[in-house]
Amino acid sequence: MPKLVVLISKRPDVSREDFIAYYEANHAPLAKRLLPMIGRYTRSFLPEGHGADFDVVTEIWFRDETAYAEFRSRMADPVIIAAIRADEANFLLSDRVRSWVVHETGDVPGTV
């Protein structure tokens, strides 16, 4: 099952609280609407003073390679990417976004 791991940095002029609120209320719903092939979509916000050069770890799961290929195709659509980039400008630094496609393996038995 392909998964996209994304590291995102907030704009320096946006507070942590406003960053989280905007992402949750605006950007995440926009992404799900424009990219319906996304399966699970989580955001793990780092605590203040974390010392990393990013503020959230976003994980996006796809049910299979076909769904991931559809996602890539939609992200190449100029209308879709323009809408996403325009929204990103409200709260994050697009040029600092880093992402990797990974293939997640199962849990280790007996772990939390």
Protein backbone atom coordinates (compact mmCIF):
# COMPACT_ATOMS: atom_id res chain seq x y z
CA MET A 1 0.00 0.00 0.00
CA PRO A 2 1.67 3.26 -1.07
CA LYS A 3 1.82 6.09 1.41
CA LEU A 4 3.00 9.66 1.00
CA VAL A 5 4.89 11.17 3.95
CA VAL A 6 5.02 14.97 3.82
CA LEU A 7 6.94 17.41 6.05
CA ILE A 8 5.38 20.87 6.07
CA SER A 9 6.56 24.18 7.54
CA LYS A 10 4.18 26.94 8.51
CA ARG A 11 4.63 30.51 7.37
CA PRO A 12 6.60 32.42 10.02
CA ASP A 13 3.88 35.07 10.31
CA VAL A 14 1.21 32.46 11.10
CA SER A 15 0.85 31.30 14.71
CA ARG A 16 0.94 27.60 15.52
CA GLU A 17 -2.73 27.74 16.54
CA ASP A 18 -3.78 29.50 13.32
CA PHE A 19 -1.67 27.08 11.25
CA ILE A 20 -3.39 24.05 12.79
CA ALA A 21 -6.85 25.64 12.57
CA TYR A 22 -6.43 26.58 8.91
CA TYR A 23 -5.01 23.22 7.93
CA GLU A 24 -7.81 21.31 9.63
CA ALA A 25 -10.73 23.56 8.64
CA ASN A 26 -9.67 24.54 5.11
CA HIS A 27 -6.74 22.75 3.53
CA ALA A 28 -7.46 19.15 4.55
CA PRO A 29 -11.09 19.32 3.35
CA LEU A 30 -9.95 20.97 0.09
CA ALA A 31 -7.39 18.21 -0.52
CA LYS A 32 -9.96 15.49 0.14
CA ARG A 33 -12.45 17.18 -2.20
CA LEU A 34 -9.96 17.71 -5.04
CA LEU A 35 -8.21 14.37 -4.54
CA PRO A 36 -10.96 11.86 -3.69
CA MET A 37 -8.66 8.87 -4.25
CA ILE A 38 -6.90 9.66 -0.97
CA GLY A 39 -7.65 6.99 1.59
CA ARG A 40 -6.47 7.81 5.10
CA TYR A 41 -5.08 11.34 5.62
CA THR A 42 -3.48 12.25 8.96
CA ARG A 43 -1.69 15.30 10.32
CA SER A 44 0.68 15.04 13.31
CA PHE A 45 1.52 18.54 14.53
CA LEU A 46 4.81 18.95 16.37
CA PRO A 47 4.76 20.68 19.76
CA GLU A 48 6.03 24.24 20.12
CA GLY A 49 9.77 24.51 20.57
CA HIS A 50 10.34 21.16 18.84
CA GLY A 51 13.57 22.27 17.13
CA ALA A 52 12.77 20.70 13.75
CA ASP A 53 12.58 22.72 10.53
CA PHE A 54 9.01 21.62 9.88
CA ASP A 55 5.77 21.83 11.85
CA VAL A 56 3.65 18.89 10.80
CA VAL A 57 4.08 15.37 9.49
CA THR A 58 1.29 14.60 7.06
CA GLU A 59 0.63 11.02 5.97
CA ILE A 60 -1.56 10.15 3.01
CA TRP A 61 -2.46 6.52 2.30
CA PHE A 62 -3.71 5.08 -0.99
CA ARG A 63 -5.58 1.78 -1.24
CA ASP A 64 -3.32 0.59 -4.07
CA GLU A 65 -0.92 1.64 -6.82
CA THR A 66 -3.83 2.53 -9.12
CA ALA A 67 -5.17 5.07 -6.61
CA TYR A 68 -1.68 6.52 -6.18
CA ALA A 69 -1.29 6.80 -9.99
CA GLU A 70 -4.64 8.60 -10.14
CA PHE A 71 -3.42 10.98 -7.40
CA ARG A 72 -0.25 11.76 -9.38
CA SER A 73 -2.30 12.38 -12.50
CA ARG A 74 -4.63 14.78 -10.66
CA MET A 75 -1.63 16.59 -9.11
CA ALA A 76 -0.33 17.18 -12.65
CA ASP A 77 -3.58 18.90 -13.64
CA PRO A 78 -2.86 22.66 -13.75
CA VAL A 79 -6.29 23.54 -12.35
CA ILE A 80 -5.94 21.17 -9.37
CA ILE A 81 -2.38 22.17 -8.52
CA ALA A 82 -3.21 25.88 -8.84
CA ALA A 83 -6.08 25.51 -6.36
CA ILE A 84 -3.87 23.63 -3.90
CA ARG A 85 -0.95 26.08 -4.21
CA ALA A 86 -3.27 29.08 -3.81
CA ASP A 87 -4.63 27.60 -0.59
CA GLU A 88 -1.16 26.67 0.68
CA ALA A 89 -0.12 30.32 0.35
CA ASN A 90 -2.52 31.12 3.19
CA PHE A 91 -0.65 29.16 5.84
CA LEU A 92 2.46 27.23 4.75
CA LEU A 93 5.75 27.56 2.88
CA SER A 94 5.25 25.60 -0.35
CA ASP A 95 8.93 25.77 -1.27
CA ARG A 96 9.87 23.99 1.98
CA VAL A 97 7.46 21.06 1.60
CA ARG A 98 9.30 17.74 1.46
CA SER A 99 7.62 14.45 0.57
CA TRP A 100 8.45 10.80 0.00
CA VAL A 101 6.46 7.85 -1.26
CA VAL A 102 6.98 4.92 1.08
CA HIS A 103 5.53 1.45 1.31
CA GLU A 104 4.33 0.82 4.83
CA THR A 105 4.72 -2.60 6.40
CA GLY A 106 2.56 -4.16 9.10
CA ASP A 107 2.73 -3.68 12.84
CA VAL A 108 5.06 -5.74 15.00
CA PRO A 109 2.88 -8.18 16.96
CA GLY A 110 2.38 -7.19 20.58
CA THR A 111 3.24 -3.50 20.14
CA VAL A 112 1.04 -0.50 20.80
